[in-house]
Amino acid sequence: MSGESKRPENGPLSRAAFLSWLKDQANPKKFAGEYGGLLGLLTGSSTLLEPGKKWKYICTVEEAGKPRVVFTGTQPVYVIAAGTAVNAYRSRCPEDDGFVIWSEGRGGFHCPLCNTVYGPNGTAVRSGKVLEKWPCRVKDGRVYVLVQSS
């Protein structure tokens, strides 16, 4: 059994010991593809559910109080705090793929090409269309967006 890692046979493993053992069993990319969903559920990490992606720090929750556009690689994304939730939206209009901008005067995101206004929740005021939502999470007062790994 050269090169094989042995799983301890005596009794149940702790979660940490099991994940450590499991991590050593296979090529990380192959492993994530085969077992990522299971591990994502066990660990609460969606990066295991979506191999090739990582959580990128964007700003603090306080900074998200004012809508801001950030670049996640080549993709511009808006991060905004709406009430107690923090959301991230692709900054492109689903109507015409125009770049949406935040407009205080209109109280939301505005597409200058089709003149559509989207509320802070990402939904168009008149048509009901929605901006593409990006996976976003808050941890220890910091906002992260799920992006493609480089």
C-alpha atoms as a PDB file:
ATOM      1  CA  MET A   1       0.000   0.000   0.000  1.00  0.00           C
ATOM      2  CA  SER A   2       2.749   2.439  -0.844  1.00  0.00           C
ATOM      3  CA  GLY A   3       1.589   6.019  -1.313  1.00  0.00           C
ATOM      4  CA  GLU A   4      -1.826   5.273   0.236  1.00  0.00           C
ATOM      5  CA  SER A   5      -2.981   7.122   3.287  1.00  0.00           C
ATOM      6  CA  LYS A   6      -4.510   4.892   5.943  1.00  0.00           C
ATOM      7  CA  ARG A   7      -7.774   5.915   7.569  1.00  0.00           C
ATOM      8  CA  PRO A   8      -7.737   5.103  11.277  1.00  0.00           C
ATOM      9  CA  GLU A   9     -10.088   2.176  11.911  1.00  0.00           C
ATOM     10  CA  ASN A  10     -10.564   2.473  15.676  1.00  0.00           C
ATOM     11  CA  GLY A  11     -13.729   4.425  16.413  1.00  0.00           C
ATOM     12  CA  PRO A  12     -15.363   7.504  14.926  1.00  0.00           C
ATOM     13  CA  LEU A  13     -13.249  10.459  13.861  1.00  0.00           C
ATOM     14  CA  SER A  14     -13.806  14.027  14.879  1.00  0.00           C
ATOM     15  CA  ARG A  15     -14.957  16.333  12.076  1.00  0.00           C
ATOM     16  CA  ALA A  16     -11.534  18.000  11.920  1.00  0.00           C
ATOM     17  CA  ALA A  17      -9.689  14.651  11.814  1.00  0.00           C
ATOM     18  CA  PHE A  18     -12.043  13.336   9.133  1.00  0.00           C
ATOM     19  CA  LEU A  19     -11.604  16.436   6.941  1.00  0.00           C
ATOM     20  CA  SER A  20      -7.841  16.286   7.398  1.00  0.00           C
ATOM     21  CA  TRP A  21      -7.799  12.609   6.377  1.00  0.00           C
ATOM     22  CA  LEU A  22     -10.129  13.268   3.459  1.00  0.00           C
ATOM     23  CA  LYS A  23      -8.036  16.182   2.234  1.00  0.00           C
ATOM     24  CA  ASP A  24      -5.006  13.910   1.906  1.00  0.00           C
ATOM     25  CA  GLN A  25      -6.821  11.302  -0.189  1.00  0.00           C
ATOM     26  CA  ALA A  26      -6.840  12.780  -3.664  1.00  0.00           C
ATOM     27  CA  ASN A  27      -5.772  15.471  -6.040  1.00  0.00           C
ATOM     28  CA  PRO A  28      -7.525  18.632  -4.777  1.00  0.00           C
ATOM     29  CA  LYS A  29      -9.217  19.448  -8.112  1.00  0.00           C
ATOM     30  CA  LYS A  30     -10.405  15.885  -8.663  1.00  0.00           C
ATOM     31  CA  PHE A  31     -11.434  15.622  -5.037  1.00  0.00           C
ATOM     32  CA  ALA A  32     -13.439  18.862  -5.120  1.00  0.00           C
ATOM     33  CA  GLY A  33     -15.219  17.743  -8.262  1.00  0.00           C
ATOM     34  CA  GLU A  34     -16.144  14.360  -6.782  1.00  0.00           C
ATOM     35  CA  TYR A  35     -16.793  15.234  -3.143  1.00  0.00           C
ATOM     36  CA  GLY A  36     -17.148  19.023  -3.152  1.00  0.00           C
ATOM     37  CA  GLY A  37     -20.899  19.054  -2.566  1.00  0.00           C
ATOM     38  CA  LEU A  38     -20.632  16.792   0.469  1.00  0.00           C
ATOM     39  CA  LEU A  39     -17.725  18.710   1.955  1.00  0.00           C
ATOM     40  CA  GLY A  40     -19.404  22.025   1.188  1.00  0.00           C
ATOM     41  CA  LEU A  41     -22.372  20.930   3.254  1.00  0.00           C
ATOM     42  CA  LEU A  42     -20.134  19.676   6.072  1.00  0.00           C
ATOM     43  CA  THR A  43     -17.886  22.729   6.207  1.00  0.00           C
ATOM     44  CA  GLY A  44     -20.276  25.467   5.079  1.00  0.00           C
ATOM     45  CA  SER A  45     -17.873  26.443   2.287  1.00  0.00           C
ATOM     46  CA  SER A  46     -19.415  27.096  -1.107  1.00  0.00           C
ATOM     47  CA  THR A  47     -15.953  27.176  -2.694  1.00  0.00           C
ATOM     48  CA  LEU A  48     -15.980  23.397  -2.345  1.00  0.00           C
ATOM     49  CA  LEU A  49     -19.321  23.357  -4.116  1.00  0.00           C
ATOM     50  CA  GLU A  50     -17.879  25.454  -6.928  1.00  0.00           C
ATOM     51  CA  PRO A  51     -14.262  24.424  -7.643  1.00  0.00           C
ATOM     52  CA  GLY A  52     -12.124  27.171  -9.156  1.00  0.00           C
ATOM     53  CA  LYS A  53     -13.759  29.931  -7.129  1.00  0.00           C
ATOM     54  CA  LYS A  54     -12.708  31.761  -3.988  1.00  0.00           C
ATOM     55  CA  TRP A  55     -14.118  34.335  -1.581  1.00  0.00           C
ATOM     56  CA  LYS A  56     -12.651  37.798  -2.205  1.00  0.00           C
ATOM     57  CA  TYR A  57     -12.711  40.491   0.488  1.00  0.00           C
ATOM     58  CA  ILE A  58     -14.521  43.571  -0.817  1.00  0.00           C
ATOM     59  CA  CYS A  59     -15.191  46.012   2.031  1.00  0.00           C
ATOM     60  CA  THR A  60     -16.528  46.307   5.564  1.00  0.00           C
ATOM     61  CA  VAL A  61     -20.270  46.188   6.288  1.00  0.00           C
ATOM     62  CA  GLU A  62     -20.152  49.894   7.191  1.00  0.00           C
ATOM     63  CA  GLU A  63     -18.563  50.739   3.830  1.00  0.00           C
ATOM     64  CA  ALA A  64     -21.289  48.727   2.055  1.00  0.00           C
ATOM     65  CA  GLY A  65     -23.832  51.180   3.501  1.00  0.00           C
ATOM     66  CA  LYS A  66     -22.979  53.351   0.516  1.00  0.00           C
ATOM     67  CA  PRO A  67     -23.275  51.372  -2.756  1.00  0.00           C
ATOM     68  CA  ARG A  68     -19.887  50.787  -4.315  1.00  0.00           C
ATOM     69  CA  VAL A  69     -18.674  49.153  -7.491  1.00  0.00           C
ATOM     70  CA  VAL A  70     -15.756  46.747  -7.184  1.00  0.00           C
ATOM     71  CA  PHE A  71     -13.924  44.658  -9.728  1.00  0.00           C
ATOM     72  CA  THR A  72     -13.831  40.908  -9.237  1.00  0.00           C
ATOM     73  CA  GLY A  73     -11.208  40.194 -11.846  1.00  0.00           C
ATOM     74  CA  THR A  74     -12.671  41.719 -15.019  1.00  0.00           C
ATOM     75  CA  GLN A  75     -16.286  41.766 -13.782  1.00  0.00           C
ATOM     76  CA  PRO A  76     -17.621  44.943 -12.111  1.00  0.00           C
ATOM     77  CA  VAL A  77     -19.980  44.171  -9.223  1.00  0.00           C
ATOM     78  CA  TYR A  78     -22.010  46.468  -6.960  1.00  0.00           C
ATOM     79  CA  VAL A  79     -22.041  45.777  -3.225  1.00  0.00           C
ATOM     80  CA  ILE A  80     -24.832  47.363  -1.206  1.00  0.00           C
ATOM     81  CA  ALA A  81     -26.218  47.031   2.307  1.00  0.00           C
ATOM     82  CA  ALA A  82     -30.024  47.011   2.282  1.00  0.00           C
ATOM     83  CA  GLY A  83     -31.356  46.912   5.828  1.00  0.00           C
ATOM     84  CA  THR A  84     -29.583  44.079   7.625  1.00  0.00           C
ATOM     85  CA  ALA A  85     -28.597  42.258   4.412  1.00  0.00           C
ATOM     86  CA  VAL A  86     -25.567  42.893   2.224  1.00  0.00           C
ATOM     87  CA  ASN A  87     -25.989  42.006  -1.453  1.00  0.00           C
ATOM     88  CA  ALA A  88     -23.774  41.957  -4.530  1.00  0.00           C
ATOM     89  CA  TYR A  89     -25.077  42.486  -8.072  1.00  0.00           C
ATOM     90  CA  ARG A  90     -23.494  42.282 -11.499  1.00  0.00           C
ATOM     91  CA  SER A  91     -23.343  45.866 -12.711  1.00  0.00           C
ATOM     92  CA  ARG A  92     -24.913  45.111 -16.083  1.00  0.00           C
ATOM     93  CA  CYS A  93     -28.532  45.745 -17.055  1.00  0.00           C
ATOM     94  CA  PRO A  94     -30.416  42.559 -18.033  1.00  0.00           C
ATOM     95  CA  GLU A  95     -32.397  44.611 -20.594  1.00  0.00           C
ATOM     96  CA  ASP A  96     -29.518  45.790 -22.794  1.00  0.00           C
ATOM     97  CA  ASP A  97     -26.278  44.819 -20.999  1.00  0.00           C
ATOM     98  CA  GLY A  98     -25.594  48.496 -20.263  1.00  0.00           C
ATOM     99  CA  PHE A  99     -23.447  49.440 -17.266  1.00  0.00           C
ATOM    100  CA  VAL A 100     -25.735  50.405 -14.371  1.00  0.00           C
ATOM    101  CA  ILE A 101     -24.724  53.230 -12.038  1.00  0.00           C
ATOM    102  CA  TRP A 102     -25.931  54.088  -8.551  1.00  0.00           C
ATOM    103  CA  SER A 103     -28.148  57.170  -8.539  1.00  0.00           C
ATOM    104  CA  GLU A 104     -29.028  58.773  -5.201  1.00  0.00           C
ATOM    105  CA  GLY A 105     -31.594  60.959  -6.973  1.00  0.00           C
ATOM    106  CA  ARG A 106     -33.418  57.922  -8.367  1.00  0.00           C
ATOM    107  CA  GLY A 107     -32.908  55.878  -5.202  1.00  0.00           C
ATOM    108  CA  GLY A 108     -31.357  52.929  -6.976  1.00  0.00           C
ATOM    109  CA  PHE A 109     -29.306  51.606  -9.847  1.00  0.00           C
ATOM    110  CA  HIS A 110     -29.894  53.327 -13.183  1.00  0.00           C
ATOM    111  CA  CYS A 111     -29.185  52.101 -16.718  1.00  0.00           C
ATOM    112  CA  PRO A 112     -28.621  55.170 -18.894  1.00  0.00           C
ATOM    113  CA  LEU A 113     -29.144  53.139 -22.099  1.00  0.00           C
ATOM    114  CA  CYS A 114     -32.733  51.970 -21.454  1.00  0.00           C
ATOM    115  CA  ASN A 115     -33.498  54.323 -18.536  1.00  0.00           C
ATOM    116  CA  THR A 116     -34.477  51.413 -16.256  1.00  0.00           C
ATOM    117  CA  VAL A 117     -34.173  52.013 -12.507  1.00  0.00           C
ATOM    118  CA  TYR A 118     -33.483  49.099 -10.159  1.00  0.00           C
ATOM    119  CA  GLY A 119     -34.151  49.464  -6.441  1.00  0.00           C
ATOM    120  CA  PRO A 120     -31.507  48.680  -3.786  1.00  0.00           C
ATOM    121  CA  ASN A 121     -32.857  45.099  -3.790  1.00  0.00           C
ATOM    122  CA  GLY A 122     -31.846  44.715  -7.474  1.00  0.00           C
ATOM    123  CA  THR A 123     -35.423  44.611  -8.841  1.00  0.00           C
ATOM    124  CA  ALA A 124     -36.514  47.012 -11.594  1.00  0.00           C
ATOM    125  CA  VAL A 125     -39.081  49.503 -10.317  1.00  0.00           C
ATOM    126  CA  ARG A 126     -41.404  49.173 -13.349  1.00  0.00           C
ATOM    127  CA  SER A 127     -40.674  45.923 -15.212  1.00  0.00           C
ATOM    128  CA  GLY A 128     -39.816  43.588 -12.329  1.00  0.00           C
ATOM    129  CA  LYS A 129     -36.588  42.454 -14.039  1.00  0.00           C
ATOM    130  CA  VAL A 130     -33.715  41.801 -11.653  1.00  0.00           C
ATOM    131  CA  LEU A 131     -29.999  42.415 -11.665  1.00  0.00           C
ATOM    132  CA  GLU A 132     -27.888  39.250 -11.563  1.00  0.00           C
ATOM    133  CA  LYS A 133     -27.100  38.517  -7.930  1.00  0.00           C
ATOM    134  CA  TRP A 134     -23.609  37.369  -6.947  1.00  0.00           C
ATOM    135  CA  PRO A 135     -22.826  35.088  -3.992  1.00  0.00           C
ATOM    136  CA  CYS A 136     -21.979  37.358  -1.096  1.00  0.00           C
ATOM    137  CA  ARG A 137     -21.326  36.721   2.589  1.00  0.00           C
ATOM    138  CA  VAL A 138     -20.459  38.672   5.708  1.00  0.00           C
ATOM    139  CA  LYS A 139     -17.968  37.355   8.223  1.00  0.00           C
ATOM    140  CA  ASP A 140     -16.646  39.324  11.196  1.00  0.00           C
ATOM    141  CA  GLY A 141     -17.999  42.588   9.778  1.00  0.00           C
ATOM    142  CA  ARG A 142     -16.257  42.065   6.421  1.00  0.00           C
ATOM    143  CA  VAL A 143     -18.026  41.539   3.075  1.00  0.00           C
ATOM    144  CA  TYR A 144     -16.818  38.832   0.657  1.00  0.00           C
ATOM    145  CA  VAL A 145     -17.926  38.000  -2.900  1.00  0.00           C
ATOM    146  CA  LEU A 146     -17.415  34.623  -4.579  1.00  0.00           C
ATOM    147  CA  VAL A 147     -15.172  35.100  -7.641  1.00  0.00           C
ATOM    148  CA  GLN A 148     -13.348  32.974 -10.191  1.00  0.00           C
ATOM    149  CA  SER A 149      -9.857  31.979  -8.985  1.00  0.00           C
ATOM    150  CA  SER A 150      -7.008  33.306 -11.084  1.00  0.00           C
END
